[in-house]
Protein backbone atom coordinates (compact mmCIF):
# COMPACT_ATOMS: atom_id res chain seq x y z
CA MET A 1 5.04 -1.98 -7.56
CA VAL A 2 6.55 1.33 -6.58
CA ILE A 3 7.05 2.10 -2.90
CA LEU A 4 6.97 5.78 -1.99
CA TYR A 5 8.20 6.64 1.47
CA GLU A 6 6.34 9.82 2.41
CA SER A 7 2.82 11.18 2.21
CA SER A 8 2.50 11.87 -1.50
CA LEU A 9 2.22 9.93 -4.74
CA THR A 10 4.63 12.22 -6.55
CA HIS A 11 8.35 11.57 -6.74
CA GLY A 12 9.10 15.22 -6.01
CA SER A 13 7.77 15.05 -2.45
CA ALA A 14 8.65 11.43 -1.67
CA SER A 15 11.75 11.02 0.48
CA VAL A 16 12.62 7.55 -0.78
CA VAL A 17 11.39 5.74 -3.89
CA ALA A 18 11.80 2.04 -4.66
CA PHE A 19 10.75 0.10 -7.75
CA VAL A 20 9.95 -3.55 -7.16
CA ASP A 21 10.95 -5.89 -10.00
CA GLY A 22 8.64 -5.65 -13.03
CA PHE A 23 7.34 -2.19 -12.15
CA ALA A 24 10.71 -0.86 -13.26
CA ASN A 25 9.85 -1.98 -16.81
CA LEU A 26 6.72 0.18 -16.86
CA VAL A 27 8.61 3.29 -15.79
CA HIS A 28 11.67 2.70 -17.95
CA GLN A 29 9.60 2.06 -21.06
CA GLY A 30 7.46 5.15 -20.46
CA SER A 31 8.17 8.50 -22.09
CA TYR A 32 9.63 9.88 -18.85
CA GLY A 33 11.47 6.71 -17.78
CA LYS A 34 15.04 7.92 -18.14
CA ASP A 35 14.31 11.06 -16.12
CA TYR A 36 12.47 9.31 -13.28
CA LEU A 37 15.06 7.53 -11.17
CA PRO A 38 14.28 5.70 -7.92
CA ASN A 39 16.59 5.26 -4.98
CA PHE A 40 16.26 1.48 -5.16
CA VAL A 41 15.33 -1.27 -7.60
CA THR A 42 14.79 -4.56 -5.77
CA GLY A 43 13.27 -7.99 -6.32
CA ASP A 44 14.07 -11.51 -7.43
CA PHE A 45 14.19 -10.06 -10.96
CA ASP A 46 12.00 -12.68 -12.57
CA SER A 47 9.96 -9.94 -14.28
CA ILE A 48 12.39 -7.12 -15.02
CA THR A 49 13.83 -7.18 -18.54
CA PRO A 50 17.61 -7.38 -19.10
CA GLU A 51 17.52 -3.97 -20.80
CA THR A 52 15.72 -2.32 -17.89
CA LEU A 53 17.99 -3.96 -15.33
CA ALA A 54 21.11 -2.88 -17.20
CA PHE A 55 19.84 0.70 -17.42
CA TYR A 56 19.29 1.05 -13.67
CA GLN A 57 22.56 -0.71 -12.89
CA SER A 58 24.30 1.98 -14.95
CA GLN A 59 22.82 4.80 -12.85
CA GLU A 60 25.10 5.83 -9.99
CA SER A 61 22.22 7.21 -7.93
CA VAL A 62 20.24 3.94 -8.04
CA SER A 63 20.95 0.99 -5.73
CA VAL A 64 20.00 -2.24 -7.51
CA ILE A 65 19.58 -5.07 -4.99
CA HIS A 66 18.80 -8.63 -6.02
CA THR A 67 16.66 -10.44 -3.41
CA PRO A 68 16.42 -14.09 -4.52
CA ASP A 69 14.98 -15.46 -1.25
CA GLU A 70 11.65 -17.07 -2.19
CA ASN A 71 10.48 -17.36 1.44
CA GLU A 72 9.22 -13.77 1.30
CA THR A 73 7.52 -11.72 -1.39
CA ASP A 74 9.39 -9.01 -3.26
CA PHE A 75 7.22 -6.43 -1.49
CA THR A 76 8.19 -7.70 1.97
CA LYS A 77 11.87 -7.87 1.08
CA CYS A 78 11.83 -4.36 -0.36
CA LEU A 79 10.13 -3.07 2.77
CA ARG A 80 12.96 -4.51 4.87
CA ILE A 81 15.69 -3.06 2.67
CA VAL A 82 14.37 0.46 2.50
CA ASN A 83 13.35 0.56 6.16
CA THR A 84 16.96 -0.29 7.06
CA PHE A 85 18.04 2.60 4.84
CA ILE A 86 15.71 5.14 6.43
CA GLU A 87 16.73 4.03 9.93
CA GLU A 88 20.42 4.38 9.10
CA LYS A 89 19.85 7.79 7.49
CA GLN A 90 17.39 8.80 10.25
CA VAL A 91 14.80 9.88 7.70
CA GLN A 92 11.53 11.00 9.32
CA LEU A 93 8.52 9.72 7.40
CA GLU A 94 4.76 10.12 7.70
CA SER A 95 3.79 7.09 5.66
CA ILE A 96 4.82 4.35 3.28
CA ILE A 97 2.72 4.18 0.12
CA ALA A 98 2.94 1.03 -1.98
CA ALA A 99 1.39 1.76 -5.36
CA HIS A 100 0.67 -1.23 -7.55
CA ILE A 101 -1.23 -2.08 -10.70
CA SER A 102 -3.79 -4.82 -10.29
CA GLY A 103 -2.84 -7.64 -12.61
CA GLY A 104 -6.02 -9.64 -12.06
CA ARG A 105 -4.40 -12.34 -9.93
CA LEU A 106 -6.08 -12.85 -6.58
CA ASP A 107 -3.10 -14.73 -5.12
CA HIS A 108 -0.89 -11.72 -5.83
CA GLU A 109 -3.37 -9.33 -4.24
CA LEU A 110 -3.54 -11.52 -1.12
CA SER A 111 0.25 -11.61 -0.88
CA LEU A 112 0.27 -7.80 -0.70
CA ILE A 113 -2.26 -7.89 2.13
CA HIS A 114 -0.10 -10.47 3.89
CA THR A 115 2.77 -7.98 3.81
CA LEU A 116 0.49 -5.41 5.45
CA PHE A 117 0.14 -7.83 8.36
CA LEU A 118 3.92 -8.30 8.52
CA ALA A 119 4.69 -4.58 8.21
CA PRO A 120 4.47 -3.69 11.95
CA ARG A 121 7.29 -6.16 12.60
CA ILE A 122 9.42 -4.39 10.00
CA THR A 123 8.65 -0.68 10.41
CA THR A 124 6.84 1.71 12.73
CA VAL A 125 5.68 3.83 9.77
CA PRO A 126 2.07 3.28 8.57
CA VAL A 127 1.85 1.35 5.30
CA TYR A 128 -0.84 1.98 2.67
CA LEU A 129 -1.60 -0.09 -0.42
CA VAL A 130 -2.79 1.98 -3.38
CA SER A 131 -4.17 0.26 -6.47
CA ASP A 132 -5.98 1.63 -9.51
CA PHE A 133 -9.07 2.74 -7.58
CA CYS A 134 -8.58 1.71 -3.96
CA VAL A 135 -6.54 2.50 -0.84
CA SER A 136 -6.14 -0.29 1.71
CA LEU A 137 -4.66 -0.30 5.20
CA LEU A 138 -4.83 -2.26 8.42
CA LEU A 139 -6.76 -0.88 11.38
CA TYR A 140 -5.49 -2.09 14.73
CA LYS A 141 -7.19 -2.69 18.07
CA GLY A 142 -9.09 0.34 19.34
CA GLU A 143 -10.90 3.23 17.67
CA THR A 144 -9.78 4.73 14.36
CA ILE A 145 -11.23 8.02 13.12
CA VAL A 146 -11.06 8.41 9.34
CA ASN A 147 -11.22 11.78 7.59
CA ALA A 148 -13.55 11.15 4.65
CA ASN A 149 -13.75 14.73 3.43
CA THR A 150 -10.56 15.14 1.38
CA GLY A 151 -12.28 15.26 -2.01
CA TYR A 152 -10.67 12.04 -3.19
CA GLU A 153 -13.22 9.62 -1.74
CA GLY A 154 -15.08 7.44 -4.21
CA GLY A 155 -17.76 6.47 -1.72
CA HIS A 156 -17.34 2.74 -1.16
CA VAL A 157 -15.54 1.22 1.82
CA GLY A 158 -14.97 -2.28 3.13
CA ILE A 159 -14.11 -3.56 6.60
CA ILE A 160 -12.71 -7.03 6.21
CA PRO A 161 -11.50 -9.39 8.99
CA ILE A 162 -8.63 -10.96 7.08
CA GLY A 163 -7.03 -12.52 10.18
CA LYS A 164 -8.89 -13.44 13.35
CA PRO A 165 -12.60 -12.72 13.92
CA SER A 166 -12.97 -9.13 15.11
CA THR A 167 -15.72 -7.45 17.11
CA VAL A 168 -16.43 -4.22 15.25
CA THR A 169 -18.47 -1.07 15.83
CA THR A 170 -18.73 1.67 13.21
CA SER A 171 -20.29 5.10 12.82
CA GLY A 172 -20.67 7.42 9.84
CA LEU A 173 -21.34 4.65 7.30
CA GLN A 174 -24.53 3.74 5.48
CA TRP A 175 -24.65 0.30 7.10
CA ASN A 176 -23.10 0.56 10.54
CA VAL A 177 -22.38 -2.42 12.76
CA TYR A 178 -22.57 -2.44 16.55
CA ASP A 179 -20.43 -4.89 18.52
CA GLU A 180 -20.77 -7.35 15.66
CA VAL A 181 -18.28 -10.16 15.18
CA LEU A 182 -16.93 -9.97 11.64
CA SER A 183 -15.30 -13.07 10.16
CA PHE A 184 -15.28 -15.02 6.93
CA GLU A 185 -17.43 -17.65 8.61
CA THR A 186 -20.10 -15.14 9.64
CA THR A 187 -20.26 -11.56 8.32
CA VAL A 188 -18.00 -9.14 6.47
CA SER A 189 -18.70 -5.50 5.67
CA THR A 190 -18.11 -4.93 1.96
CA CYS A 191 -19.65 -2.48 -0.52
CA ASN A 192 -20.47 -0.16 2.37
CA ARG A 193 -20.71 3.57 1.76
CA ILE A 194 -19.47 6.70 3.51
CA ARG A 195 -22.26 8.89 4.88
CA GLU A 196 -20.40 11.39 7.12
CA PRO A 197 -17.29 13.60 6.69
CA MET A 198 -15.66 11.54 9.44
CA PHE A 199 -16.33 7.89 10.17
CA THR A 200 -15.06 5.64 12.94
CA VAL A 201 -14.13 1.99 13.19
CA THR A 202 -13.57 0.30 16.54
CA CYS A 203 -12.23 -3.26 16.57
CA ASP A 204 -10.63 -5.72 18.98
CA GLU A 205 -8.55 -7.49 16.29
CA PRO A 206 -6.95 -6.00 13.16
CA VAL A 207 -9.23 -5.51 10.16
CA LEU A 208 -8.49 -4.48 6.60
CA LEU A 209 -10.03 -1.14 5.60
CA THR A 210 -10.52 -0.59 1.88
CA MET A 211 -11.56 2.79 0.51
CA GLU A 212 -12.45 3.62 -3.07
CA TYR A 213 -10.82 6.82 -4.31
CA LYS A 214 -11.17 9.05 -7.34
CA LEU A 215 -8.72 11.49 -8.84
CA PRO A 216 -9.83 15.11 -9.27
CA ASP A 217 -11.27 16.08 -12.64
CA ASN A 218 -8.72 18.34 -14.31
CA THR A 219 -10.71 18.80 -17.49
CA THR A 220 -12.52 21.91 -16.26
C-alpha cells in the first residue's frame, strides 16, 4: 500500500508519501524505483525484502519506521505515524489516498475497511481507499452529494452498511432507495449504477460507498 497525503495520485503533487511494508518492494523493483522516494516506509516488515529495506534505510530523505505491534494493521499504524507528522509540520491537506493492489484476500480487504472506520479517531482529513478499479470511502450521518461527472466514473456504485443498520435515501442512481434500512440481515445496495451527474446519499449511520473508476484512454 502507498498512502498519498493530498488530492492526487501522483508523487509530484502529493505533500507526503508513505510506503507500507511490501508495497516498497513493488516500487523499488520497478524501473523507476530508485528515483521515486517516499517520506516514510513503515510496517511490521514481514513482507519487505532485506534488499529493499536496506535501500530505503540508506536514503537520508526517507524515514524507515518499524511498527511491530500486531494489535493494529500496518495501514492503521502508518496512518497514525504520518498524521502525527503532518500535525507537527502543520501541513494542510485535502485528502488522504491509500492506494493498494488487491491481492485476492478478503480478510485483507476487510482490514482496510476497518481502518476507514478507525480513521476519524486518528485524523480529521478524509480518507479514500483506491484499488485497481474502485474508490471506497465512508459516508457519515446526513446527506452527501457526490460529483459523478469527472470523467473517471466507471458507472457502478455500492452503498454498503458495514457497521450498524442504516436508514438510507438516495437520488441520482438507477435503483434508488427511500428511507430503507440497509443491513447485512436485510438489504444492501450493490451493483447499482450512476444515472445523474450528481447523486446523493442520506444515511443515519455510516455506510461504505464504493465507486468504480476508469482511467482516461490515452491511446488517441
